[in-house]
Protein backbone atom coordinates (compact mmCIF):
# COMPACT_ATOMS: atom_id res chain seq x y z
CA MET A 1 178.71 17.43 83.15
CA ALA A 2 177.37 20.25 80.96
CA LEU A 3 176.93 19.22 77.34
CA VAL A 4 176.81 21.48 74.28
CA LEU A 5 175.82 20.70 70.71
CA GLY A 6 177.89 21.82 67.73
CA VAL A 7 176.48 21.46 64.22
CA ASP A 8 178.21 21.64 60.85
CA SER A 9 175.74 22.23 58.01
CA SER A 10 178.12 21.80 55.08
CA THR A 11 177.71 21.44 51.33
CA GLN A 12 177.40 17.69 51.58
CA SER A 13 175.89 16.88 54.97
CA THR A 14 174.89 17.90 58.47
CA LYS A 15 177.20 16.68 61.22
CA ALA A 16 176.26 17.07 64.88
CA LEU A 17 178.58 16.62 67.88
CA LEU A 18 177.47 16.42 71.51
CA VAL A 19 180.45 17.72 73.48
CA ASP A 20 181.56 18.15 77.09
CA ALA A 21 181.60 21.92 77.57
CA GLU A 22 184.54 21.79 79.97
CA ASP A 23 187.17 19.91 77.96
CA GLY A 24 185.77 19.40 74.44
CA THR A 25 185.41 15.61 74.67
CA VAL A 26 182.99 14.34 72.02
CA VAL A 27 180.27 12.30 73.69
CA GLU A 28 178.20 11.37 70.63
CA GLN A 29 177.95 12.31 66.97
CA ARG A 30 175.44 11.87 64.18
CA THR A 31 175.25 12.80 60.49
CA ALA A 32 172.71 13.21 57.68
CA ARG A 33 173.26 13.71 53.95
CA HIS A 34 172.31 16.79 51.93
CA PRO A 35 171.03 16.80 48.34
CA GLU A 36 173.58 16.95 45.54
CA GLY A 37 173.97 20.05 43.43
CA THR A 38 175.02 23.68 43.63
CA ALA A 39 171.45 25.00 44.01
CA VAL A 40 169.46 23.47 46.87
CA ASP A 41 166.09 24.01 48.53
CA PRO A 42 167.23 25.18 51.99
CA ARG A 43 164.36 23.31 53.63
CA ALA A 44 166.37 20.16 52.95
CA TRP A 45 168.91 21.42 55.51
CA LEU A 46 166.15 21.69 58.12
CA ALA A 47 165.27 18.04 57.56
CA ALA A 48 168.94 17.04 57.77
CA PHE A 49 169.32 19.06 60.99
CA ASP A 50 166.34 17.25 62.50
CA GLU A 51 167.81 13.88 61.53
CA ALA A 52 171.36 14.52 62.72
CA ALA A 53 171.00 17.00 65.58
CA GLY A 54 167.40 16.45 66.68
CA PRO A 55 168.05 13.33 68.81
CA LEU A 56 170.92 15.10 70.61
CA LEU A 57 169.33 18.49 71.17
CA ASP A 58 167.41 17.76 74.38
CA ARG A 59 170.63 16.57 76.08
CA ALA A 60 172.44 19.86 75.42
CA GLU A 61 172.41 23.09 77.41
CA ALA A 62 173.52 25.20 74.44
CA VAL A 63 173.81 24.83 70.66
CA ALA A 64 175.57 26.64 67.82
CA ILE A 65 175.59 26.05 64.07
CA GLY A 66 178.50 26.41 61.69
CA GLY A 67 177.27 26.65 58.11
CA GLN A 68 178.70 26.67 54.61
CA GLN A 69 179.56 30.24 53.70
CA HIS A 70 177.98 32.46 51.04
CA GLY A 71 174.83 30.47 50.18
CA SER A 72 171.91 32.79 49.38
CA VAL A 73 168.78 31.93 51.37
CA VAL A 74 166.15 34.37 50.07
CA LEU A 75 162.83 34.24 51.94
CA ASP A 76 159.38 35.77 51.49
CA ALA A 77 157.43 37.54 54.22
CA GLU A 78 156.17 34.17 55.55
CA GLY A 79 159.71 32.82 55.82
CA GLU A 80 159.55 30.47 52.84
CA PRO A 81 162.23 30.30 50.15
CA VAL A 82 161.46 32.13 46.91
CA HIS A 83 164.24 30.29 45.05
CA ASP A 84 166.71 27.48 45.63
CA ALA A 85 169.74 28.67 47.58
CA LEU A 86 172.69 29.19 45.23
CA LEU A 87 175.71 27.69 46.97
CA TRP A 88 179.29 28.95 47.13
CA ASN A 89 180.38 26.57 44.35
CA ASP A 90 177.68 27.64 41.87
CA MET A 91 179.60 29.50 39.18
CA ARG A 92 176.61 30.92 37.24
CA SER A 93 177.08 34.25 39.03
CA ALA A 94 180.63 34.86 37.72
CA GLY A 95 179.47 37.49 35.23
CA ALA A 96 177.40 39.22 37.90
CA ALA A 97 180.44 39.40 40.18
CA ALA A 98 182.57 40.92 37.42
CA ASP A 99 179.88 43.54 36.75
CA LEU A 100 179.73 44.49 40.43
CA VAL A 101 183.51 44.82 40.72
CA GLU A 102 183.46 47.17 37.72
CA GLU A 103 180.62 49.19 39.25
CA LEU A 104 182.60 49.57 42.47
CA GLY A 105 185.56 51.00 40.60
CA GLY A 106 187.74 47.93 40.22
CA ALA A 107 189.30 45.12 42.22
CA GLN A 108 191.12 47.18 44.83
CA ALA A 109 188.06 49.36 45.44
CA SER A 110 186.00 46.20 45.97
CA ALA A 111 188.57 44.85 48.44
CA ASP A 112 188.80 48.16 50.29
CA LEU A 113 185.03 48.33 50.75
CA THR A 114 184.08 44.70 51.42
CA GLY A 115 187.39 43.02 52.29
CA THR A 116 187.12 40.89 49.16
CA VAL A 117 187.32 41.20 45.41
CA LEU A 118 183.80 40.02 44.66
CA ASN A 119 183.66 36.68 42.84
CA ALA A 120 181.12 34.07 41.81
CA SER A 121 181.06 32.46 45.27
CA ILE A 122 180.11 35.59 47.22
CA THR A 123 176.46 36.05 48.22
CA ILE A 124 176.04 39.47 46.64
CA ALA A 125 176.85 38.02 43.21
CA LYS A 126 174.04 35.46 43.70
CA LEU A 127 171.60 38.30 44.36
CA ARG A 128 172.70 40.19 41.26
CA TRP A 129 172.23 36.98 39.24
CA MET A 130 168.71 36.64 40.69
CA ARG A 131 167.94 40.24 39.73
CA ASP A 132 168.85 39.50 36.14
CA HIS A 133 167.60 35.91 35.79
CA ALA A 134 165.03 35.25 38.53
CA GLY A 135 163.41 38.63 38.94
CA ASP A 136 159.92 37.27 39.65
CA ALA A 137 161.28 35.30 42.62
CA LEU A 138 163.31 38.22 43.92
CA ALA A 139 160.26 40.49 43.69
CA ARG A 140 158.60 38.28 46.35
CA ALA A 141 161.61 38.41 48.67
CA HIS A 142 161.52 39.96 52.14
CA ARG A 143 164.89 39.00 53.65
CA VAL A 144 168.18 37.32 52.79
CA LEU A 145 170.01 35.01 55.16
CA LEU A 146 173.07 32.79 55.05
CA PRO A 147 172.68 29.02 55.57
CA HIS A 148 173.70 29.11 59.23
CA ASP A 149 171.48 32.17 59.84
CA TYR A 150 168.51 30.30 58.37
CA LEU A 151 169.01 27.27 60.59
CA THR A 152 169.58 29.38 63.71
CA TRP A 153 166.50 31.49 62.97
CA HIS A 154 164.36 28.38 62.43
CA LEU A 155 165.68 26.73 65.60
CA ALA A 156 164.84 29.87 67.61
CA GLY A 157 161.21 29.70 66.43
CA ARG A 158 161.44 32.10 63.47
CA PRO A 159 161.41 35.36 65.45
CA ASP A 160 160.81 38.70 63.75
CA GLU A 161 164.51 39.50 64.06
CA ALA A 162 167.02 37.05 62.60
CA THR A 163 170.66 37.09 63.68
CA THR A 164 174.06 36.33 62.20
CA ASP A 165 177.66 36.83 63.31
CA ARG A 166 180.39 39.04 61.88
CA GLY A 167 182.42 36.07 60.62
CA ASP A 168 179.78 34.71 58.26
CA ALA A 169 178.49 38.21 57.45
CA SER A 170 181.97 39.13 56.19
CA GLY A 171 181.57 36.66 53.32
CA THR A 172 178.42 38.22 51.87
CA GLY A 173 180.00 41.10 49.92
CA TYR A 174 177.60 43.58 51.53
CA PHE A 175 179.33 43.78 54.92
CA SER A 176 182.47 45.73 55.81
CA PRO A 177 184.78 43.73 58.11
CA ALA A 178 186.90 46.83 58.73
CA GLN A 179 183.85 48.84 59.88
CA ASP A 180 181.91 45.89 61.37
CA ALA A 181 178.82 47.13 59.55
CA TRP A 182 176.37 46.13 56.85
CA LEU A 183 176.47 47.96 53.52
CA PRO A 184 172.73 48.05 52.74
CA GLU A 185 173.15 50.50 49.87
CA LEU A 186 175.48 48.07 48.14
CA LEU A 187 173.01 45.23 48.64
CA GLU A 188 170.26 47.35 47.11
CA GLN A 189 172.53 48.24 44.19
CA ALA A 190 173.17 44.58 43.52
CA ALA A 191 169.65 43.24 43.99
CA GLY A 192 167.76 46.23 42.63
CA ARG A 193 165.75 46.48 45.85
CA SER A 194 166.23 46.51 49.62
CA LEU A 195 166.06 43.32 51.67
CA ALA A 196 165.89 42.83 55.44
CA LEU A 197 169.21 41.79 56.96
CA PRO A 198 169.86 39.91 60.20
CA ARG A 199 171.25 41.62 63.27
CA VAL A 200 174.97 40.98 63.79
CA ALA A 201 175.25 39.39 67.24
CA GLU A 202 178.21 39.55 69.62
CA PRO A 203 180.58 36.56 69.40
CA ALA A 204 179.31 34.74 72.52
CA GLU A 205 175.82 36.19 72.77
CA VAL A 206 172.80 34.02 73.52
CA VAL A 207 170.54 34.94 70.59
CA GLY A 208 167.54 32.79 71.50
CA HIS A 209 166.33 29.57 73.04
CA HIS A 210 164.93 26.28 71.83
CA GLY A 211 163.00 25.19 74.87
CA SER A 212 165.62 25.35 77.63
CA VAL A 213 168.56 25.13 75.20
CA ALA A 214 170.49 28.39 74.73
CA ILE A 215 171.30 29.25 71.11
CA ALA A 216 174.67 30.86 70.33
CA PRO A 217 175.08 33.00 67.19
CA GLY A 218 176.76 30.34 65.04
CA THR A 219 179.18 31.30 62.29
CA GLY A 220 180.56 30.34 58.88
CA ASP A 221 182.21 26.97 58.46
CA ASN A 222 185.73 28.37 58.05
CA MET A 223 185.37 30.53 61.14
CA ALA A 224 184.03 27.56 63.10
CA ALA A 225 186.97 25.42 61.95
CA ALA A 226 189.39 28.09 63.21
CA LEU A 227 187.63 27.95 66.58
CA GLY A 228 187.69 24.16 66.61
CA LEU A 229 191.42 24.08 65.86
CA GLY A 230 192.21 26.85 68.33
CA LEU A 231 194.23 28.67 65.66
CA ARG A 232 197.07 30.81 67.02
CA PRO A 233 199.01 33.55 65.20
CA GLY A 234 201.38 31.83 62.80
CA ASP A 235 199.14 28.78 62.37
CA ALA A 236 197.61 28.30 58.93
CA ALA A 237 194.67 25.92 58.68
CA VAL A 238 194.90 24.03 55.39
CA SER A 239 191.65 22.19 54.78
CA ILE A 240 191.33 19.73 51.90
CA GLY A 241 187.68 18.87 51.44
CA THR A 242 185.21 19.70 48.68
CA SER A 243 187.07 22.99 48.51
CA GLY A 244 190.63 23.78 49.53
CA VAL A 245 190.89 26.45 52.20
CA VAL A 246 193.89 28.19 53.73
CA SER A 247 193.10 30.54 56.61
CA MET A 248 194.88 32.35 59.45
CA VAL A 249 193.81 34.52 62.35
CA ALA A 250 194.96 38.13 62.16
CA SER A 251 194.64 41.17 64.38
CA GLY A 252 193.57 43.57 61.63
CA PRO A 253 191.54 43.63 58.41
CA SER A 254 193.02 42.94 54.98
CA ALA A 255 192.12 44.17 51.51
CA ASP A 256 193.84 42.16 48.76
CA GLY A 257 193.19 43.72 45.37
CA THR A 258 194.60 40.66 43.59
CA GLY A 259 191.58 38.65 44.72
CA MET A 260 193.71 35.80 46.07
CA VAL A 261 192.89 36.48 49.73
CA ALA A 262 189.41 37.19 51.06
CA GLY A 263 189.54 39.57 54.02
CA PHE A 264 187.01 37.88 56.27
CA ALA A 265 186.34 38.41 59.97
CA ASP A 266 186.54 35.51 62.43
CA ALA A 267 184.07 34.44 65.11
CA THR A 268 185.92 36.00 68.07
CA GLY A 269 186.34 39.68 67.19
CA ARG A 270 189.54 39.27 65.17
CA PHE A 271 189.99 38.65 61.44
CA LEU A 272 190.39 35.56 59.26
CA PRO A 273 192.10 36.24 55.93
CA LEU A 274 191.36 33.24 53.76
CA ALA A 275 192.20 31.84 50.36
CA CYS A 276 189.84 29.25 48.90
CA THR A 277 190.19 26.94 45.91
CA VAL A 278 187.15 25.45 44.22
CA ASN A 279 189.05 22.24 43.41
CA ALA A 280 190.55 20.12 46.17
CA ALA A 281 189.62 16.52 47.06
CA ARG A 282 187.90 16.14 43.69
CA ILE A 283 191.38 16.30 42.11
CA LEU A 284 192.22 13.04 43.84
CA ASP A 285 188.76 11.65 43.01
CA LEU A 286 189.40 12.30 39.32
CA ALA A 287 192.85 10.69 39.40
CA ALA A 288 191.54 7.59 41.16
CA ARG A 289 188.72 7.25 38.63
CA LEU A 290 191.02 7.71 35.64
CA LEU A 291 193.44 5.14 37.00
CA GLY A 292 190.78 2.65 38.03
CA THR A 293 191.74 2.58 41.69
CA ASP A 294 190.73 3.95 45.08
CA HIS A 295 192.40 6.62 47.20
CA ALA A 296 194.71 4.13 48.89
CA GLY A 297 195.78 2.77 45.51
CA LEU A 298 196.27 6.30 44.21
CA ALA A 299 198.59 7.11 47.11
CA GLU A 300 200.63 3.97 46.50
CA LEU A 301 201.02 4.84 42.82
CA ALA A 302 201.96 8.47 43.55
CA LEU A 303 204.63 7.53 46.08
CA ALA A 304 206.16 5.09 43.57
CA SER A 305 206.95 8.00 41.19
CA VAL A 306 209.55 10.74 41.72
CA PRO A 307 209.28 14.43 42.71
CA GLY A 308 208.06 16.27 39.64
CA ALA A 309 206.48 13.11 38.16
CA HIS A 310 209.14 12.93 35.41
CA GLY A 311 208.12 16.37 34.12
CA LEU A 312 204.34 15.88 34.28
CA THR A 313 202.56 18.92 35.78
CA LEU A 314 198.86 19.33 36.49
CA LEU A 315 197.17 22.72 36.77
CA PRO A 316 194.08 21.47 38.65
CA TYR A 317 191.46 24.10 37.77
CA LEU A 318 188.99 21.35 36.85
CA ASP A 319 185.65 23.11 37.21
CA GLY A 320 186.64 26.75 37.21
CA GLU A 321 188.72 28.28 39.99
CA ARG A 322 188.37 30.95 42.63
CA THR A 323 192.02 31.29 43.72
CA PRO A 324 193.13 32.57 41.27
CA ALA A 325 189.84 33.86 39.83
CA ARG A 326 189.37 31.81 36.67
CA PRO A 327 185.70 30.78 36.78
CA ASP A 328 185.72 29.38 33.23
CA ALA A 329 188.98 27.44 33.52
CA THR A 330 189.50 23.73 33.00
CA GLY A 331 192.40 21.55 34.09
CA THR A 332 195.67 21.42 32.15
CA LEU A 333 198.05 18.45 32.13
CA HIS A 334 201.46 19.37 30.71
CA GLY A 335 204.51 17.23 29.95
CA LEU A 336 202.98 13.98 28.71
CA THR A 337 205.45 11.75 26.86
CA SER A 338 205.45 8.17 25.64
CA SER A 339 207.31 7.31 28.87
CA THR A 340 204.63 8.71 31.22
CA THR A 341 203.44 6.06 33.67
CA ARG A 342 200.37 5.52 35.82
CA GLU A 343 202.59 6.37 38.78
CA ASP A 344 203.53 9.71 37.20
CA LEU A 345 199.89 10.53 36.52
CA ALA A 346 198.99 9.80 40.15
CA ARG A 347 201.94 11.85 41.41
CA ALA A 348 201.06 14.83 39.21
CA HIS A 349 197.54 14.95 40.64
CA VAL A 350 198.71 14.87 44.25
CA GLU A 351 201.39 17.47 43.54
CA GLY A 352 198.92 19.64 41.61
CA LEU A 353 196.54 19.65 44.56
CA LEU A 354 199.29 20.64 46.99
CA LEU A 355 200.81 23.23 44.65
CA SER A 356 197.42 24.92 44.31
CA LEU A 357 197.26 25.12 48.10
CA ALA A 358 200.86 26.37 48.21
CA ASP A 359 199.75 29.25 45.96
CA ALA A 360 197.05 30.06 48.50
CA LEU A 361 199.54 29.83 51.38
CA ALA A 362 201.95 32.19 49.58
CA ALA A 363 199.14 34.69 49.08
CA MET A 364 198.37 34.51 52.80
CA ASP A 365 202.02 35.18 53.60
CA ALA A 366 201.92 38.30 51.45
CA MET A 367 198.74 39.69 53.03
CA SER A 368 198.63 38.56 56.67
CA ASP A 369 200.17 40.39 59.62
CA ALA A 370 201.54 37.02 60.79
CA SER A 371 203.51 34.88 58.33
CA PRO A 372 202.56 31.19 58.20
CA ALA A 373 204.96 29.27 60.44
CA ARG A 374 203.06 25.98 60.54
CA ALA A 375 200.28 24.37 58.53
CA LEU A 376 197.54 22.38 60.27
CA LEU A 377 196.33 19.87 57.68
CA ILE A 378 192.67 18.90 58.01
CA GLY A 379 189.82 17.62 55.84
CA GLY A 380 189.05 14.25 54.30
CA ALA A 381 191.88 14.29 51.75
CA ALA A 382 194.42 15.07 54.48
CA ARG A 383 194.18 11.39 55.39
CA ASN A 384 195.68 10.34 52.05
CA PRO A 385 199.19 8.95 52.71
CA ALA A 386 200.64 10.63 49.61
CA VAL A 387 199.22 14.01 50.60
CA ARG A 388 200.76 13.63 54.06
CA ALA A 389 204.11 12.52 52.67
CA LEU A 390 204.44 15.34 50.12
CA ALA A 391 202.81 18.22 51.99
CA PRO A 392 205.79 19.51 54.04
CA ALA A 393 208.11 19.83 51.04
CA VAL A 394 205.49 21.28 48.66
CA LEU A 395 203.95 23.69 51.18
CA GLY A 396 207.39 24.71 52.43
CA VAL A 397 206.49 24.94 56.13
CA PRO A 398 206.29 22.42 58.97
CA VAL A 399 203.02 20.50 58.83
CA ALA A 400 201.01 19.18 61.76
CA LEU A 401 198.21 16.67 61.37
CA PRO A 402 195.50 17.17 64.01
CA GLU A 403 193.66 14.02 65.03
CA PRO A 404 190.81 13.29 62.60
CA GLY A 405 187.74 15.18 63.69
CA GLU A 406 184.81 17.31 62.65
CA TYR A 407 186.45 20.64 63.38
CA VAL A 408 183.63 22.84 62.06
CA ALA A 409 181.13 21.13 64.36
CA LEU A 410 183.67 21.15 67.19
CA GLY A 411 184.22 24.90 66.70
CA ALA A 412 180.48 25.48 66.78
CA ALA A 413 180.34 23.48 70.02
CA ARG A 414 183.15 25.62 71.45
CA GLN A 415 181.17 28.76 70.61
CA ALA A 416 178.10 27.24 72.30
CA ALA A 417 180.19 26.48 75.40
CA TRP A 418 181.52 30.04 75.36
CA ALA A 419 177.98 31.44 75.29
CA LEU A 420 176.84 29.01 77.99
CA LEU A 421 179.74 29.72 80.36
CA GLY A 422 179.68 33.49 79.82
CA THR A 423 183.48 33.72 79.93
CA GLU A 424 185.60 36.45 78.39
CA ALA A 425 187.24 34.03 75.92
CA PRO A 426 186.30 30.64 74.47
CA PRO A 427 187.15 27.65 76.68
CA GLN A 428 190.58 26.11 76.07
CA TRP A 429 190.17 22.65 74.58
CA PRO A 430 193.18 20.47 73.67
CA VAL A 431 193.79 19.70 69.97
CA PRO A 432 196.17 16.70 69.74
CA ALA A 433 198.29 16.77 66.56
CA THR A 434 201.11 14.77 64.99
CA GLU A 435 204.03 16.72 63.57
CA LEU A 436 204.93 15.55 60.07
CA ALA A 437 208.42 15.64 58.54
CA ASP A 438 210.32 18.94 58.55
CA PRO A 439 210.22 20.39 55.01
CA SER A 440 214.01 20.70 54.97
CA ALA A 441 214.33 16.94 55.45
CA GLY A 442 212.52 16.14 52.19
CA PRO A 443 213.31 16.73 48.52
CA ASP A 444 213.77 20.28 47.26
CA ALA A 445 210.45 21.42 45.78
CA GLY A 446 211.93 24.47 44.08
CA GLU A 447 211.93 23.13 40.52
CA LEU A 448 208.50 21.56 41.02
CA THR A 449 207.11 24.91 42.20
CA ALA A 450 208.78 26.74 39.30
CA ALA A 451 207.36 24.33 36.71
CA TYR A 452 203.89 24.78 38.18
CA ALA A 453 204.24 28.58 38.18
CA ARG A 454 205.33 28.57 34.53
CA LEU A 455 202.31 26.49 33.55
CA ARG A 456 199.97 28.69 35.60
CA GLU A 457 201.19 31.85 33.93
CA ARG A 458 201.27 30.28 30.46
CA THR A 459 197.59 29.37 30.74
CA THR A 460 196.45 32.79 31.97
CA ASP A 461 195.40 33.86 28.48
CA TRP A 462 193.70 30.54 27.81
CA HIS A 463 191.51 30.53 30.92
CA ALA A 464 191.22 34.13 32.12
């Protein structure tokens, strides 16, 4: 039995899965925590990789790493970080992103060139922030990598040439998904100097070895999740973790000038339009804390209320938001009365989370060449009974619940198996899923959606 190792180096932890390359069966898994914060010394990820993946590595024939997108790993000529990596959820670069969009000629011009309206999460905005606020560090820089690039490069023995893949590269803001090419002049414009970039590897290329273990290119976490789920046209992955992510595979590039949809590439040669919210599971965390309960208690309270929570609506932009782009926003709770109950408050938070994701799903429908026909609900918060119960009606499409799993790490393992087997396409691995209630069988969410839309538009001037 050939075994492959898939690794998910996320915001919060490193997860490693040892997997049967033929059928995707997980043989063993390990995990290690990452430091808290939105700016992290990337060497901490190396230690976490050693703890989680190290004991499994010598049993694998191939390995691939899926990493959190956008993080800026800026290294000197000796390969050491010149600054903490600014992560995707570090909002200090919002002003830098706005400046770059203006320099490019506006939102649509930014989307046409890079696939994305540049925002605070995107790597290029981190480099512009460094130019303006950490110039001494940037002056010592030799190259810039993404988190998964950094881990792959280190695992391969730190060769002169680093590698990445087109999926993760498409989230930097200095790569054109439509042209499959770096935009080095744009990087230099943002950073005020040139930096070495990794080579963009082919999807199933062997980019190096760690001893006898073949190293596949790796990819961004969202692209790896799409691989792990085996997304088909019409399937929308709806992930509710630290962030909320809605993504679909598409045959061609997209360029959404509204900024709602990022026109990323995927890890197979296709495209992965994606809408991401900064606030997701933390919405439920906040509600549970305010109500003095846990997630199970929160679900019980929410399901004891009614659709629309007796007129209570939450706009859940707690710590700024990316979809829509409101980096300075805070949350808004509208409709409080003397009759509001704990159950209503719980319900409003669950509905607010799902309505935010419904906004992202609607944006995908407007931009993708394949309309969402089914949502695959994944991520830690997808296990909440209230989320499962309300999702079909609020999202407005049939919802399937794949078996709980580490789909980023599983997708990385599938890429490793693809590279190991040398096949034309990734191996076909089964993804068991439970179909949830048909949306037409539940309550009509029309008024709920309308109330949320009115609140969203009313607060545009407050939080723009």
